[in-house]
């Protein structure tokens, strides 16, 4: 069965809260595989090594200032996600430019921030 549906407000759970305060946290897995092939169909000799990594993105806004941190993570023996090093991105008390929630929403919807 095919269903046609028009979405007028994609990702409503990422609404801007009318400029109010919020906290947002998401875990991201990156699995990059270089499967480029030459004209003969063989994998290219200079391809990049496979990469797999997990990260936590934590963003928020408090009193008109926003923050964004992206940190590497690992999973412990109990299956809990733990930080695995210093943040790769560490922006705090930002007041200029669009905040991370607006940028994420633009990315997911194909729109502009």
Protein backbone atom coordinates (compact mmCIF):
# COMPACT_ATOMS: atom_id res chain seq x y z
CA UNK A 1 0.00 0.00 0.00
CA UNK A 2 1.34 3.40 -0.98
CA UNK A 3 0.49 6.38 1.17
CA UNK A 4 0.83 9.95 -0.01
CA UNK A 5 1.27 12.44 2.77
CA UNK A 6 2.27 16.09 2.73
CA UNK A 7 4.40 17.17 5.64
CA UNK A 8 4.07 20.88 6.24
CA UNK A 9 6.21 21.01 9.39
CA UNK A 10 8.98 18.41 9.25
CA UNK A 11 10.57 17.40 12.55
CA UNK A 12 8.11 19.22 14.81
CA UNK A 13 10.00 17.81 17.81
CA UNK A 14 12.85 20.15 16.83
CA UNK A 15 10.68 23.25 17.08
CA UNK A 16 12.47 26.41 18.17
CA UNK A 17 10.45 26.79 21.41
CA UNK A 18 9.83 30.41 20.42
CA UNK A 19 13.40 31.40 21.24
CA UNK A 20 13.23 29.89 24.73
CA UNK A 21 15.72 27.74 26.57
CA UNK A 22 16.29 24.11 25.59
CA UNK A 23 18.72 21.20 25.87
CA UNK A 24 19.29 18.74 23.04
CA UNK A 25 21.51 15.65 23.06
CA UNK A 26 22.01 13.03 20.36
CA UNK A 27 24.43 10.15 19.84
CA UNK A 28 25.88 9.83 16.33
CA UNK A 29 27.68 6.92 14.67
CA UNK A 30 29.93 7.56 11.67
CA UNK A 31 30.76 4.59 9.44
CA UNK A 32 32.85 5.65 6.45
CA UNK A 33 33.83 3.11 3.80
CA UNK A 34 35.83 4.11 0.72
CA UNK A 35 34.51 1.79 -2.00
CA UNK A 36 35.77 3.73 -5.01
CA UNK A 37 36.70 1.48 -7.91
CA UNK A 38 38.89 1.97 -10.94
CA UNK A 39 37.87 1.40 -14.57
CA UNK A 40 38.70 -2.30 -14.20
CA UNK A 41 36.25 -2.67 -11.30
CA UNK A 42 38.93 -3.27 -8.67
CA UNK A 43 39.07 -1.21 -5.49
CA UNK A 44 41.48 1.71 -5.84
CA UNK A 45 44.88 1.16 -4.22
CA UNK A 46 44.90 4.70 -2.73
CA UNK A 47 41.51 4.42 -1.05
CA UNK A 48 41.12 5.61 2.54
CA UNK A 49 41.06 3.16 5.40
CA UNK A 50 37.60 2.41 6.82
CA UNK A 51 36.60 4.53 9.80
CA UNK A 52 34.01 3.99 12.50
CA UNK A 53 33.46 6.38 15.39
CA UNK A 54 30.73 7.39 17.80
CA UNK A 55 30.06 10.89 19.09
CA UNK A 56 27.70 12.78 21.35
CA UNK A 57 26.32 16.11 20.23
CA UNK A 58 25.03 18.24 23.08
CA UNK A 59 23.47 21.61 22.36
CA UNK A 60 21.32 24.07 24.20
CA UNK A 61 20.23 27.63 24.76
CA UNK A 62 19.98 29.37 28.09
CA UNK A 63 19.14 33.03 28.52
CA UNK A 64 19.74 33.84 24.84
CA UNK A 65 23.20 32.21 24.76
CA UNK A 66 23.72 28.91 22.97
CA UNK A 67 26.31 26.19 23.25
CA UNK A 68 27.41 23.20 21.20
CA UNK A 69 29.74 20.37 22.16
CA UNK A 70 30.65 17.31 20.07
CA UNK A 71 32.64 14.67 21.94
CA UNK A 72 33.92 11.20 21.03
CA UNK A 73 32.25 8.37 22.92
CA UNK A 74 32.74 4.71 23.66
CA UNK A 75 30.53 2.00 25.12
CA UNK A 76 31.57 0.35 28.38
CA UNK A 77 31.16 -3.31 29.32
CA UNK A 78 27.62 -2.63 30.55
CA UNK A 79 26.52 -1.01 27.28
CA UNK A 80 26.52 2.53 28.70
CA UNK A 81 27.86 5.35 26.52
CA UNK A 82 30.84 7.17 28.05
CA UNK A 83 32.90 10.17 26.92
CA UNK A 84 36.14 8.99 25.30
CA UNK A 85 38.15 12.19 25.19
CA UNK A 86 38.00 15.96 25.03
CA UNK A 87 35.34 17.63 22.87
CA UNK A 88 36.11 18.01 19.18
CA UNK A 89 33.82 21.05 19.10
CA UNK A 90 33.38 23.18 22.22
CA UNK A 91 31.37 26.37 21.77
CA UNK A 92 29.90 28.00 24.85
CA UNK A 93 28.03 31.24 25.54
CA UNK A 94 27.59 32.06 21.84
CA UNK A 95 25.26 34.90 20.95
CA UNK A 96 25.89 35.46 17.23
CA UNK A 97 24.63 33.37 14.34
CA UNK A 98 22.00 30.65 14.26
CA UNK A 99 22.00 28.25 17.18
CA UNK A 100 22.67 24.50 16.73
CA UNK A 101 18.99 23.51 16.79
CA UNK A 102 18.23 25.85 13.88
CA UNK A 103 21.20 24.47 11.94
CA UNK A 104 20.22 20.85 12.61
CA UNK A 105 16.66 21.50 11.54
CA UNK A 106 17.90 23.17 8.34
CA UNK A 107 20.17 20.20 7.63
CA UNK A 108 17.40 17.64 8.13
CA UNK A 109 14.79 19.54 6.14
CA UNK A 110 17.01 20.82 3.32
CA UNK A 111 16.22 24.40 4.22
CA UNK A 112 18.32 27.38 5.22
CA UNK A 113 19.10 28.51 8.73
